[in-house]
Amino acid sequence: MATPLTASKLVEILRAEGLTVHEVRNWRRHNRNTKGPYGPMNGVMIHHTATTGTQSSVDICYDGRPDLPGPLCHGVIDKKGEIHLVGNGRANHAGLGDSDVLRAVVNETKLPHDNAVDSDGNRHFYGFECVNRGDGKDPWPEAQKEAIEKVSAAICRHHGWSERSVIGHKEWQPGKVDPRGFTMDGMRKRIAGRLAGKPQGSGPESDPKPAPAKPTRAPFPGSGFFRDGQKSALITAMGRRLVAEGCDHYEEGPGPEWTDADRKSYKAWQQKLGFKGKDADGIPGKTSWDELKVPAS
């Protein structure tokens, strides 16, 4: 339970976390405070916009819709991982949700299943909308997921909360599915890791090190290499390149074992290159592999 962040303090802590922050129009005075109380604050809620395009998504979240006036959140996180602040105060983002979930967030205990709509989430949660169609196919670039992690960690650190104070809309209100495309348990693990790390600028400054040699590219191992159960550092390196290219269907991040998430991510890469049909089946071929520029492990 905490006093709401001022606009200036929110900008300060987000930028201190290394985020690029855009202040949209009159966001510092843009709120729905005349419609109900705002605070005390208990947590951070993550959403997806179900839209495409940064500017149009930001405009909708600032202005709202005919049936739901804006602001629809406090900030929009675009696919580049940049933050667009659109509201300061009460916002139409959470609606009514489960009081048992709110109690678990306050106590930072395991979340129960949401099955009621008896508590005002707009009063108690900071809300961040992430630009994504929410269809399970639209990729989540690593830069965007890292920004969700940083935003959440910055607010939690300021208020003295743990990662358990961060939830998804789908964990609050029955029938909601957002954010879709990654797990909130996985995101909370990322936030916990960031909160456990050293603060920026801490510790003695180390001696400068020479830049590492540019890694050589891994040769194509053949399509037969990519089969169920195959484990290799090469698969991890491939997955990281796919994430960097915005072809990310991983929930927990790429690993050494070939999985369906690797296949889906590689299929997205093939389609990005213009391959179609059987040429975009998710199994690497030499042409697409060479274009991906996977570094040698």
C-alpha atoms as a PDB file:
ATOM      1  CA  MET A   1       0.000   0.000   0.000  1.00  0.00           C
ATOM      2  CA  ALA A   2       1.583   3.269  -1.106  1.00  0.00           C
ATOM      3  CA  THR A   3       0.965   6.881  -2.023  1.00  0.00           C
ATOM      4  CA  PRO A   4       0.679   7.301  -5.821  1.00  0.00           C
ATOM      5  CA  LEU A   5       3.811   8.431  -7.625  1.00  0.00           C
ATOM      6  CA  THR A   6       3.863  12.042  -8.771  1.00  0.00           C
ATOM      7  CA  ALA A   7       4.322  12.603 -12.499  1.00  0.00           C
ATOM      8  CA  SER A   8       7.839  13.939 -11.995  1.00  0.00           C
ATOM      9  CA  LYS A   9       8.882  11.028  -9.789  1.00  0.00           C
ATOM     10  CA  LEU A  10       7.508   8.468 -12.276  1.00  0.00           C
ATOM     11  CA  VAL A  11       9.539  10.012 -15.103  1.00  0.00           C
ATOM     12  CA  GLU A  12      12.597  10.125 -12.856  1.00  0.00           C
ATOM     13  CA  ILE A  13      12.537   6.465 -11.797  1.00  0.00           C
ATOM     14  CA  LEU A  14      11.765   5.170 -15.301  1.00  0.00           C
ATOM     15  CA  ARG A  15      14.653   7.088 -16.830  1.00  0.00           C
ATOM     16  CA  ALA A  16      16.918   6.002 -13.970  1.00  0.00           C
ATOM     17  CA  GLU A  17      16.097   2.416 -14.970  1.00  0.00           C
ATOM     18  CA  GLY A  18      17.509   3.161 -18.433  1.00  0.00           C
ATOM     19  CA  LEU A  19      14.206   3.595 -20.267  1.00  0.00           C
ATOM     20  CA  THR A  20      13.389   6.057 -23.041  1.00  0.00           C
ATOM     21  CA  VAL A  21      10.344   8.026 -21.857  1.00  0.00           C
ATOM     22  CA  HIS A  22       8.042  10.168 -24.023  1.00  0.00           C
ATOM     23  CA  GLU A  23       5.642  12.590 -22.336  1.00  0.00           C
ATOM     24  CA  VAL A  24       2.431  12.703 -24.380  1.00  0.00           C
ATOM     25  CA  ARG A  25       0.492  15.955 -24.598  1.00  0.00           C
ATOM     26  CA  ASN A  26      -1.004  17.045 -21.245  1.00  0.00           C
ATOM     27  CA  TRP A  27      -0.510  13.618 -19.605  1.00  0.00           C
ATOM     28  CA  ARG A  28       0.527  15.086 -16.225  1.00  0.00           C
ATOM     29  CA  ARG A  29      -3.016  16.443 -15.703  1.00  0.00           C
ATOM     30  CA  HIS A  30      -4.866  13.764 -17.697  1.00  0.00           C
ATOM     31  CA  ASN A  31      -6.874  11.434 -15.437  1.00  0.00           C
ATOM     32  CA  ARG A  32     -10.306  10.238 -14.300  1.00  0.00           C
ATOM     33  CA  ASN A  33      -9.974  11.431 -10.705  1.00  0.00           C
ATOM     34  CA  THR A  34     -13.446  13.016 -10.785  1.00  0.00           C
ATOM     35  CA  LYS A  35     -14.973   9.543 -11.202  1.00  0.00           C
ATOM     36  CA  GLY A  36     -13.537   7.908  -8.099  1.00  0.00           C
ATOM     37  CA  PRO A  37     -10.616   7.709  -5.663  1.00  0.00           C
ATOM     38  CA  TYR A  38      -7.043   7.075  -6.754  1.00  0.00           C
ATOM     39  CA  GLY A  39      -4.808   5.268  -4.267  1.00  0.00           C
ATOM     40  CA  PRO A  40      -3.486   3.882  -2.125  1.00  0.00           C
ATOM     41  CA  MET A  41      -1.468   1.965  -4.724  1.00  0.00           C
ATOM     42  CA  ASN A  42      -0.965  -1.768  -4.438  1.00  0.00           C
ATOM     43  CA  GLY A  43       0.594  -2.955  -7.677  1.00  0.00           C
ATOM     44  CA  VAL A  44       1.349  -2.790 -11.385  1.00  0.00           C
ATOM     45  CA  MET A  45      -0.965  -4.290 -14.024  1.00  0.00           C
ATOM     46  CA  ILE A  46       0.218  -5.286 -17.514  1.00  0.00           C
ATOM     47  CA  HIS A  47      -2.063  -5.294 -20.584  1.00  0.00           C
ATOM     48  CA  HIS A  48      -1.817  -5.642 -24.359  1.00  0.00           C
ATOM     49  CA  THR A  49      -3.467  -3.058 -26.595  1.00  0.00           C
ATOM     50  CA  ALA A  50      -4.994  -5.446 -29.188  1.00  0.00           C
ATOM     51  CA  THR A  51      -3.864  -2.852 -31.764  1.00  0.00           C
ATOM     52  CA  THR A  52      -0.958  -2.283 -34.135  1.00  0.00           C
ATOM     53  CA  GLY A  53       1.215   0.786 -34.663  1.00  0.00           C
ATOM     54  CA  THR A  54       2.794   2.934 -31.994  1.00  0.00           C
ATOM     55  CA  GLN A  55       1.183   6.322 -32.664  1.00  0.00           C
ATOM     56  CA  SER A  56      -2.350   5.016 -33.166  1.00  0.00           C
ATOM     57  CA  SER A  57      -2.057   2.873 -30.033  1.00  0.00           C
ATOM     58  CA  VAL A  58      -0.782   5.812 -27.985  1.00  0.00           C
ATOM     59  CA  ASP A  59      -3.604   8.039 -29.276  1.00  0.00           C
ATOM     60  CA  ILE A  60      -6.266   5.465 -28.354  1.00  0.00           C
ATOM     61  CA  CYS A  61      -4.798   5.016 -24.877  1.00  0.00           C
ATOM     62  CA  TYR A  62      -4.701   8.800 -24.351  1.00  0.00           C
ATOM     63  CA  ASP A  63      -8.111   9.657 -25.838  1.00  0.00           C
ATOM     64  CA  GLY A  64     -10.012   6.472 -25.057  1.00  0.00           C
ATOM     65  CA  ARG A  65     -13.048   5.259 -26.976  1.00  0.00           C
ATOM     66  CA  PRO A  66     -16.669   6.490 -27.149  1.00  0.00           C
ATOM     67  CA  ASP A  67     -17.658   3.859 -24.582  1.00  0.00           C
ATOM     68  CA  LEU A  68     -14.543   4.227 -22.411  1.00  0.00           C
ATOM     69  CA  PRO A  69     -12.945   7.671 -21.939  1.00  0.00           C
ATOM     70  CA  GLY A  70      -9.177   7.986 -21.638  1.00  0.00           C
ATOM     71  CA  PRO A  71      -6.679   7.684 -20.275  1.00  0.00           C
ATOM     72  CA  LEU A  72      -6.833   3.895 -20.681  1.00  0.00           C
ATOM     73  CA  CYS A  73      -3.558   3.380 -18.796  1.00  0.00           C
ATOM     74  CA  HIS A  74      -0.625   5.320 -17.389  1.00  0.00           C
ATOM     75  CA  GLY A  75       1.891   4.359 -20.034  1.00  0.00           C
ATOM     76  CA  VAL A  76       2.163   2.593 -23.387  1.00  0.00           C
ATOM     77  CA  ILE A  77       5.160   0.318 -24.041  1.00  0.00           C
ATOM     78  CA  ASP A  78       5.943   0.112 -27.749  1.00  0.00           C
ATOM     79  CA  LYS A  79       7.757  -2.662 -29.588  1.00  0.00           C
ATOM     80  CA  LYS A  80      11.065  -0.786 -29.401  1.00  0.00           C
ATOM     81  CA  GLY A  81      10.789  -0.788 -25.615  1.00  0.00           C
ATOM     82  CA  GLU A  82      10.081   2.935 -25.330  1.00  0.00           C
ATOM     83  CA  ILE A  83       7.532   4.301 -22.854  1.00  0.00           C
ATOM     84  CA  HIS A  84       4.801   6.793 -23.777  1.00  0.00           C
ATOM     85  CA  LEU A  85       3.192   8.313 -20.682  1.00  0.00           C
ATOM     86  CA  VAL A  86      -0.490   9.135 -21.280  1.00  0.00           C
ATOM     87  CA  GLY A  87      -2.063   9.527 -17.852  1.00  0.00           C
ATOM     88  CA  ASN A  88      -1.325  10.537 -14.274  1.00  0.00           C
ATOM     89  CA  GLY A  89      -3.962   9.529 -11.753  1.00  0.00           C
ATOM     90  CA  ARG A  90      -7.008   7.331 -12.064  1.00  0.00           C
ATOM     91  CA  ALA A  91      -7.160   5.604 -15.473  1.00  0.00           C
ATOM     92  CA  ASN A  92      -9.676   3.293 -17.159  1.00  0.00           C
ATOM     93  CA  HIS A  93      -7.488   0.212 -17.422  1.00  0.00           C
ATOM     94  CA  ALA A  94      -8.271  -2.367 -14.747  1.00  0.00           C
ATOM     95  CA  GLY A  95     -11.989  -2.099 -14.061  1.00  0.00           C
ATOM     96  CA  LEU A  96     -13.601  -4.301 -11.431  1.00  0.00           C
ATOM     97  CA  GLY A  97     -11.725  -7.420 -10.389  1.00  0.00           C
ATOM     98  CA  ASP A  98     -11.343 -10.023  -7.690  1.00  0.00           C
ATOM     99  CA  SER A  99     -10.862  -8.798  -4.115  1.00  0.00           C
ATOM    100  CA  ASP A 100      -9.068 -12.074  -3.280  1.00  0.00           C
ATOM    101  CA  VAL A 101      -6.504 -11.259  -5.971  1.00  0.00           C
ATOM    102  CA  LEU A 102      -6.092  -7.738  -4.583  1.00  0.00           C
ATOM    103  CA  ARG A 103      -5.556  -9.174  -1.100  1.00  0.00           C
ATOM    104  CA  ALA A 104      -2.879 -11.531  -2.447  1.00  0.00           C
ATOM    105  CA  VAL A 105      -1.126  -8.628  -4.200  1.00  0.00           C
ATOM    106  CA  VAL A 106      -1.199  -6.555  -1.011  1.00  0.00           C
ATOM    107  CA  ASN A 107       0.196  -9.481   0.991  1.00  0.00           C
ATOM    108  CA  GLU A 108       2.519 -10.541  -1.876  1.00  0.00           C
ATOM    109  CA  THR A 109       1.322 -14.131  -1.684  1.00  0.00           C
ATOM    110  CA  LYS A 110       0.345 -16.662  -4.341  1.00  0.00           C
ATOM    111  CA  LEU A 111      -2.436 -15.395  -6.603  1.00  0.00           C
ATOM    112  CA  PRO A 112      -5.792 -17.188  -6.374  1.00  0.00           C
ATOM    113  CA  HIS A 113      -7.912 -17.851  -9.446  1.00  0.00           C
ATOM    114  CA  ASP A 114      -9.896 -14.733 -10.354  1.00  0.00           C
ATOM    115  CA  ASN A 115     -13.626 -15.439 -10.140  1.00  0.00           C
ATOM    116  CA  ALA A 116     -15.230 -12.216  -8.911  1.00  0.00           C
ATOM    117  CA  VAL A 117     -15.642  -8.550  -9.905  1.00  0.00           C
ATOM    118  CA  ASP A 118     -16.000  -6.780  -6.574  1.00  0.00           C
ATOM    119  CA  SER A 119     -12.963  -4.475  -6.281  1.00  0.00           C
ATOM    120  CA  ASP A 120     -11.982  -1.255  -8.061  1.00  0.00           C
ATOM    121  CA  GLY A 121      -8.685  -1.913  -9.853  1.00  0.00           C
ATOM    122  CA  ASN A 122      -8.463   1.569 -11.334  1.00  0.00           C
ATOM    123  CA  ARG A 123      -7.975   2.860  -7.810  1.00  0.00           C
ATOM    124  CA  HIS A 124      -5.163   0.545  -6.783  1.00  0.00           C
ATOM    125  CA  PHE A 125      -3.035  -0.334  -9.849  1.00  0.00           C
ATOM    126  CA  TYR A 126      -0.638   1.427 -12.176  1.00  0.00           C
ATOM    127  CA  GLY A 127      -1.509   0.258 -15.682  1.00  0.00           C
ATOM    128  CA  PHE A 128       0.752  -0.240 -18.700  1.00  0.00           C
ATOM    129  CA  GLU A 129      -0.542  -1.155 -22.150  1.00  0.00           C
ATOM    130  CA  CYS A 130       1.892  -2.966 -24.459  1.00  0.00           C
ATOM    131  CA  VAL A 131       1.519  -2.619 -28.228  1.00  0.00           C
ATOM    132  CA  ASN A 132       0.541  -6.090 -29.423  1.00  0.00           C
ATOM    133  CA  ARG A 133      -2.417  -7.514 -31.324  1.00  0.00           C
ATOM    134  CA  GLY A 134      -2.901 -10.117 -28.605  1.00  0.00           C
ATOM    135  CA  ASP A 135      -3.695 -12.867 -31.109  1.00  0.00           C
ATOM    136  CA  GLY A 136      -0.904 -15.179 -29.964  1.00  0.00           C
ATOM    137  CA  LYS A 137       0.898 -14.638 -33.280  1.00  0.00           C
ATOM    138  CA  ASP A 138       2.108 -11.058 -32.999  1.00  0.00           C
ATOM    139  CA  PRO A 139       5.702 -11.321 -31.684  1.00  0.00           C
ATOM    140  CA  TRP A 140       6.969  -9.733 -28.488  1.00  0.00           C
ATOM    141  CA  PRO A 141      10.439  -8.299 -29.234  1.00  0.00           C
ATOM    142  CA  GLU A 142      12.961  -8.747 -26.451  1.00  0.00           C
ATOM    143  CA  ALA A 143      13.317  -4.959 -26.173  1.00  0.00           C
ATOM    144  CA  GLN A 144       9.617  -4.705 -25.341  1.00  0.00           C
ATOM    145  CA  LYS A 145       9.696  -7.494 -22.763  1.00  0.00           C
ATOM    146  CA  GLU A 146      12.778  -5.957 -21.185  1.00  0.00           C
ATOM    147  CA  ALA A 147      10.933  -2.629 -20.950  1.00  0.00           C
ATOM    148  CA  ILE A 148       8.003  -4.320 -19.159  1.00  0.00           C
ATOM    149  CA  GLU A 149      10.542  -5.793 -16.753  1.00  0.00           C
ATOM    150  CA  LYS A 150      12.238  -2.421 -16.203  1.00  0.00           C
ATOM    151  CA  VAL A 151       9.015  -0.425 -15.745  1.00  0.00           C
ATOM    152  CA  SER A 152       7.719  -2.929 -13.216  1.00  0.00           C
ATOM    153  CA  ALA A 153      11.015  -3.166 -11.338  1.00  0.00           C
ATOM    154  CA  ALA A 154      11.376   0.626 -11.154  1.00  0.00           C
ATOM    155  CA  ILE A 155       7.944   1.062  -9.567  1.00  0.00           C
ATOM    156  CA  CYS A 156       8.331  -1.946  -7.261  1.00  0.00           C
ATOM    157  CA  ARG A 157      11.750  -0.748  -6.108  1.00  0.00           C
ATOM    158  CA  HIS A 158      10.429   2.741  -5.348  1.00  0.00           C
ATOM    159  CA  HIS A 159       7.537   1.416  -3.261  1.00  0.00           C
ATOM    160  CA  GLY A 160       9.485  -1.422  -1.647  1.00  0.00           C
ATOM    161  CA  TRP A 161       7.392  -4.113  -3.355  1.00  0.00           C
ATOM    162  CA  SER A 162       8.511  -7.495  -4.690  1.00  0.00           C
ATOM    163  CA  GLU A 163       7.736  -8.967  -8.111  1.00  0.00           C
ATOM    164  CA  ARG A 164       4.514 -10.396  -6.623  1.00  0.00           C
ATOM    165  CA  SER A 165       3.010  -6.909  -6.829  1.00  0.00           C
ATOM    166  CA  VAL A 166       2.984  -7.186 -10.657  1.00  0.00           C
ATOM    167  CA  ILE A 167       0.052  -8.960 -12.311  1.00  0.00           C
ATOM    168  CA  GLY A 168      -1.564  -9.322 -15.706  1.00  0.00           C
ATOM    169  CA  HIS A 169      -5.073  -8.123 -16.515  1.00  0.00           C
ATOM    170  CA  LYS A 170      -5.988 -11.779 -17.093  1.00  0.00           C
ATOM    171  CA  GLU A 171      -5.089 -12.522 -13.457  1.00  0.00           C
ATOM    172  CA  TRP A 172      -7.383  -9.760 -12.171  1.00  0.00           C
ATOM    173  CA  GLN A 173     -10.641  -9.876 -14.092  1.00  0.00           C
ATOM    174  CA  PRO A 174     -12.491 -13.019 -15.253  1.00  0.00           C
ATOM    175  CA  GLY A 175     -12.680 -13.360 -19.031  1.00  0.00           C
ATOM    176  CA  LYS A 176      -9.613 -11.229 -19.810  1.00  0.00           C
ATOM    177  CA  VAL A 177      -6.716 -12.762 -21.763  1.00  0.00           C
ATOM    178  CA  ASP A 178      -4.097 -10.016 -21.691  1.00  0.00           C
ATOM    179  CA  PRO A 179      -1.221 -10.003 -21.895  1.00  0.00           C
ATOM    180  CA  ARG A 180      -1.179 -12.889 -24.358  1.00  0.00           C
ATOM    181  CA  GLY A 181       2.117 -14.155 -25.765  1.00  0.00           C
ATOM    182  CA  PHE A 182       4.217 -14.605 -22.630  1.00  0.00           C
ATOM    183  CA  THR A 183       3.533 -15.861 -19.112  1.00  0.00           C
ATOM    184  CA  MET A 184       3.234 -13.551 -16.145  1.00  0.00           C
ATOM    185  CA  ASP A 185       5.096 -16.096 -14.015  1.00  0.00           C
ATOM    186  CA  GLY A 186       8.005 -15.827 -16.446  1.00  0.00           C
ATOM    187  CA  MET A 187       7.850 -12.035 -16.390  1.00  0.00           C
ATOM    188  CA  ARG A 188       7.774 -11.990 -12.594  1.00  0.00           C
ATOM    189  CA  LYS A 189      10.949 -14.108 -12.564  1.00  0.00           C
ATOM    190  CA  ARG A 190      12.604 -11.495 -14.770  1.00  0.00           C
ATOM    191  CA  ILE A 191      11.453  -8.682 -12.487  1.00  0.00           C
ATOM    192  CA  ALA A 192      12.704 -10.554  -9.415  1.00  0.00           C
ATOM    193  CA  GLY A 193      16.105 -10.941 -11.066  1.00  0.00           C
ATOM    194  CA  ARG A 194      16.311  -7.239 -11.814  1.00  0.00           C
ATOM    195  CA  LEU A 195      15.268  -6.307  -8.287  1.00  0.00           C
ATOM    196  CA  ALA A 196      17.941  -8.628  -6.887  1.00  0.00           C
ATOM    197  CA  GLY A 197      20.686  -7.134  -9.045  1.00  0.00           C
ATOM    198  CA  LYS A 198      23.059  -4.335  -8.162  1.00  0.00           C
ATOM    199  CA  PRO A 199      21.710  -0.794  -8.563  1.00  0.00           C
ATOM    200  CA  GLN A 200      22.989   1.183 -11.526  1.00  0.00           C
ATOM    201  CA  GLY A 201      26.389   2.711 -10.917  1.00  0.00           C
ATOM    202  CA  SER A 202      27.148   0.647  -7.799  1.00  0.00           C
ATOM    203  CA  GLY A 203      30.551  -0.817  -7.059  1.00  0.00           C
ATOM    204  CA  PRO A 204      34.029   0.366  -8.069  1.00  0.00           C
ATOM    205  CA  GLU A 205      34.618   1.318 -11.660  1.00  0.00           C
ATOM    206  CA  SER A 206      36.523  -1.450 -13.401  1.00  0.00           C
ATOM    207  CA  ASP A 207      39.435  -1.018 -15.757  1.00  0.00           C
ATOM    208  CA  PRO A 208      38.406  -0.726 -19.389  1.00  0.00           C
ATOM    209  CA  LYS A 209      38.653  -3.987 -21.301  1.00  0.00           C
ATOM    210  CA  PRO A 210      39.539  -4.377 -24.943  1.00  0.00           C
ATOM    211  CA  ALA A 211      36.571  -4.935 -27.213  1.00  0.00           C
ATOM    212  CA  PRO A 212      36.037  -8.645 -27.912  1.00  0.00           C
ATOM    213  CA  ALA A 213      36.762  -9.921 -31.373  1.00  0.00           C
ATOM    214  CA  LYS A 214      33.770  -9.946 -33.663  1.00  0.00           C
ATOM    215  CA  PRO A 215      32.274 -13.454 -33.544  1.00  0.00           C
ATOM    216  CA  THR A 216      32.432 -15.567 -36.663  1.00  0.00           C
ATOM    217  CA  ARG A 217      29.213 -16.933 -38.122  1.00  0.00           C
ATOM    218  CA  ALA A 218      28.170 -20.503 -37.484  1.00  0.00           C
ATOM    219  CA  PRO A 219      28.060 -22.647 -40.635  1.00  0.00           C
ATOM    220  CA  PHE A 220      24.713 -24.182 -41.564  1.00  0.00           C
ATOM    221  CA  PRO A 221      24.530 -27.604 -39.852  1.00  0.00           C
ATOM    222  CA  GLY A 222      21.915 -29.013 -42.226  1.00  0.00           C
ATOM    223  CA  SER A 223      18.140 -29.170 -41.860  1.00  0.00           C
ATOM    224  CA  GLY A 224      18.317 -32.619 -40.259  1.00  0.00           C
ATOM    225  CA  PHE A 225      20.109 -31.109 -37.271  1.00  0.00           C
ATOM    226  CA  PHE A 226      16.895 -29.411 -36.149  1.00  0.00           C
ATOM    227  CA  ARG A 227      14.811 -32.230 -34.708  1.00  0.00           C
ATOM    228  CA  ASP A 228      12.904 -32.869 -31.491  1.00  0.00           C
ATOM    229  CA  GLY A 229      15.230 -33.561 -28.589  1.00  0.00           C
ATOM    230  CA  GLN A 230      18.315 -32.043 -30.213  1.00  0.00           C
ATOM    231  CA  LYS A 231      20.350 -30.020 -27.729  1.00  0.00           C
ATOM    232  CA  SER A 232      23.112 -27.610 -28.686  1.00  0.00           C
ATOM    233  CA  ALA A 233      24.491 -24.184 -27.802  1.00  0.00           C
ATOM    234  CA  LEU A 234      23.978 -23.442 -31.498  1.00  0.00           C
ATOM    235  CA  ILE A 235      20.198 -23.621 -30.972  1.00  0.00           C
ATOM    236  CA  THR A 236      20.438 -21.098 -28.133  1.00  0.00           C
ATOM    237  CA  ALA A 237      22.528 -18.763 -30.324  1.00  0.00           C
ATOM    238  CA  MET A 238      19.986 -19.115 -33.143  1.00  0.00           C
ATOM    239  CA  GLY A 239      17.120 -18.310 -30.745  1.00  0.00           C
ATOM    240  CA  ARG A 240      18.824 -15.175 -29.515  1.00  0.00           C
ATOM    241  CA  ARG A 241      19.260 -13.946 -33.079  1.00  0.00           C
ATOM    242  CA  LEU A 242      15.578 -14.654 -33.783  1.00  0.00           C
ATOM    243  CA  VAL A 243      14.592 -12.610 -30.726  1.00  0.00           C
ATOM    244  CA  ALA A 244      16.839  -9.769 -31.905  1.00  0.00           C
ATOM    245  CA  GLU A 245      15.036  -9.847 -35.258  1.00  0.00           C
ATOM    246  CA  GLY A 246      11.630  -9.595 -33.571  1.00  0.00           C
ATOM    247  CA  CYS A 247      10.722 -13.212 -34.379  1.00  0.00           C
ATOM    248  CA  ASP A 248      10.013 -14.257 -30.817  1.00  0.00           C
ATOM    249  CA  HIS A 249       7.562 -16.985 -29.859  1.00  0.00           C
ATOM    250  CA  TYR A 250       9.417 -17.885 -26.674  1.00  0.00           C
ATOM    251  CA  GLU A 251       7.764 -17.654 -23.269  1.00  0.00           C
ATOM    252  CA  GLU A 252      10.878 -18.178 -21.158  1.00  0.00           C
ATOM    253  CA  GLY A 253      13.579 -17.289 -23.681  1.00  0.00           C
ATOM    254  CA  PRO A 254      15.592 -19.471 -26.079  1.00  0.00           C
ATOM    255  CA  GLY A 255      17.409 -22.499 -24.720  1.00  0.00           C
ATOM    256  CA  PRO A 256      19.667 -25.267 -26.023  1.00  0.00           C
ATOM    257  CA  GLU A 257      16.896 -27.781 -26.821  1.00  0.00           C
ATOM    258  CA  TRP A 258      15.013 -27.587 -30.127  1.00  0.00           C
ATOM    259  CA  THR A 259      11.332 -26.993 -29.328  1.00  0.00           C
ATOM    260  CA  ASP A 260       8.118 -25.924 -30.994  1.00  0.00           C
ATOM    261  CA  ALA A 261       8.873 -22.357 -29.860  1.00  0.00           C
ATOM    262  CA  ASP A 262      12.097 -22.469 -31.932  1.00  0.00           C
ATOM    263  CA  ARG A 263      10.183 -23.756 -34.938  1.00  0.00           C
ATOM    264  CA  LYS A 264       7.495 -21.062 -34.656  1.00  0.00           C
ATOM    265  CA  SER A 265      10.115 -18.352 -34.212  1.00  0.00           C
ATOM    266  CA  TYR A 266      12.126 -19.578 -37.197  1.00  0.00           C
ATOM    267  CA  LYS A 267       8.955 -19.781 -39.297  1.00  0.00           C
ATOM    268  CA  ALA A 268       8.345 -16.110 -38.495  1.00  0.00           C
ATOM    269  CA  TRP A 269      11.902 -15.373 -39.676  1.00  0.00           C
ATOM    270  CA  GLN A 270      11.348 -17.269 -42.941  1.00  0.00           C
ATOM    271  CA  GLN A 271       8.132 -15.345 -43.525  1.00  0.00           C
ATOM    272  CA  LYS A 272       9.929 -12.089 -42.756  1.00  0.00           C
ATOM    273  CA  LEU A 273      12.352 -12.974 -45.557  1.00  0.00           C
ATOM    274  CA  GLY A 274       9.439 -13.570 -47.941  1.00  0.00           C
ATOM    275  CA  PHE A 275       9.304 -17.370 -47.909  1.00  0.00           C
ATOM    276  CA  LYS A 276       5.850 -18.947 -48.121  1.00  0.00           C
ATOM    277  CA  GLY A 277       4.182 -22.334 -47.925  1.00  0.00           C
ATOM    278  CA  LYS A 278       6.492 -25.301 -47.487  1.00  0.00           C
ATOM    279  CA  ASP A 279       9.484 -22.941 -47.692  1.00  0.00           C
ATOM    280  CA  ALA A 280       8.324 -21.386 -44.416  1.00  0.00           C
ATOM    281  CA  ASP A 281       7.900 -24.530 -42.340  1.00  0.00           C
ATOM    282  CA  GLY A 282      10.071 -23.422 -39.417  1.00  0.00           C
ATOM    283  CA  ILE A 283      12.969 -25.754 -40.251  1.00  0.00           C
ATOM    284  CA  PRO A 284      16.139 -23.799 -41.081  1.00  0.00           C
ATOM    285  CA  GLY A 285      17.450 -23.909 -44.638  1.00  0.00           C
ATOM    286  CA  LYS A 286      20.811 -22.625 -45.805  1.00  0.00           C
ATOM    287  CA  THR A 287      19.552 -19.393 -47.364  1.00  0.00           C
ATOM    288  CA  SER A 288      17.560 -18.247 -44.329  1.00  0.00           C
ATOM    289  CA  TRP A 289      20.312 -19.466 -41.966  1.00  0.00           C
ATOM    290  CA  ASP A 290      22.968 -17.417 -43.721  1.00  0.00           C
ATOM    291  CA  GLU A 291      20.707 -14.356 -43.577  1.00  0.00           C
ATOM    292  CA  LEU A 292      20.163 -14.821 -39.830  1.00  0.00           C
ATOM    293  CA  LYS A 293      23.927 -14.512 -39.203  1.00  0.00           C
ATOM    294  CA  VAL A 294      24.082 -16.827 -36.173  1.00  0.00           C
ATOM    295  CA  PRO A 295      27.383 -16.338 -34.350  1.00  0.00           C
ATOM    296  CA  ALA A 296      29.597 -19.352 -33.768  1.00  0.00           C
ATOM    297  CA  SER A 297      29.438 -20.582 -30.196  1.00  0.00           C
END
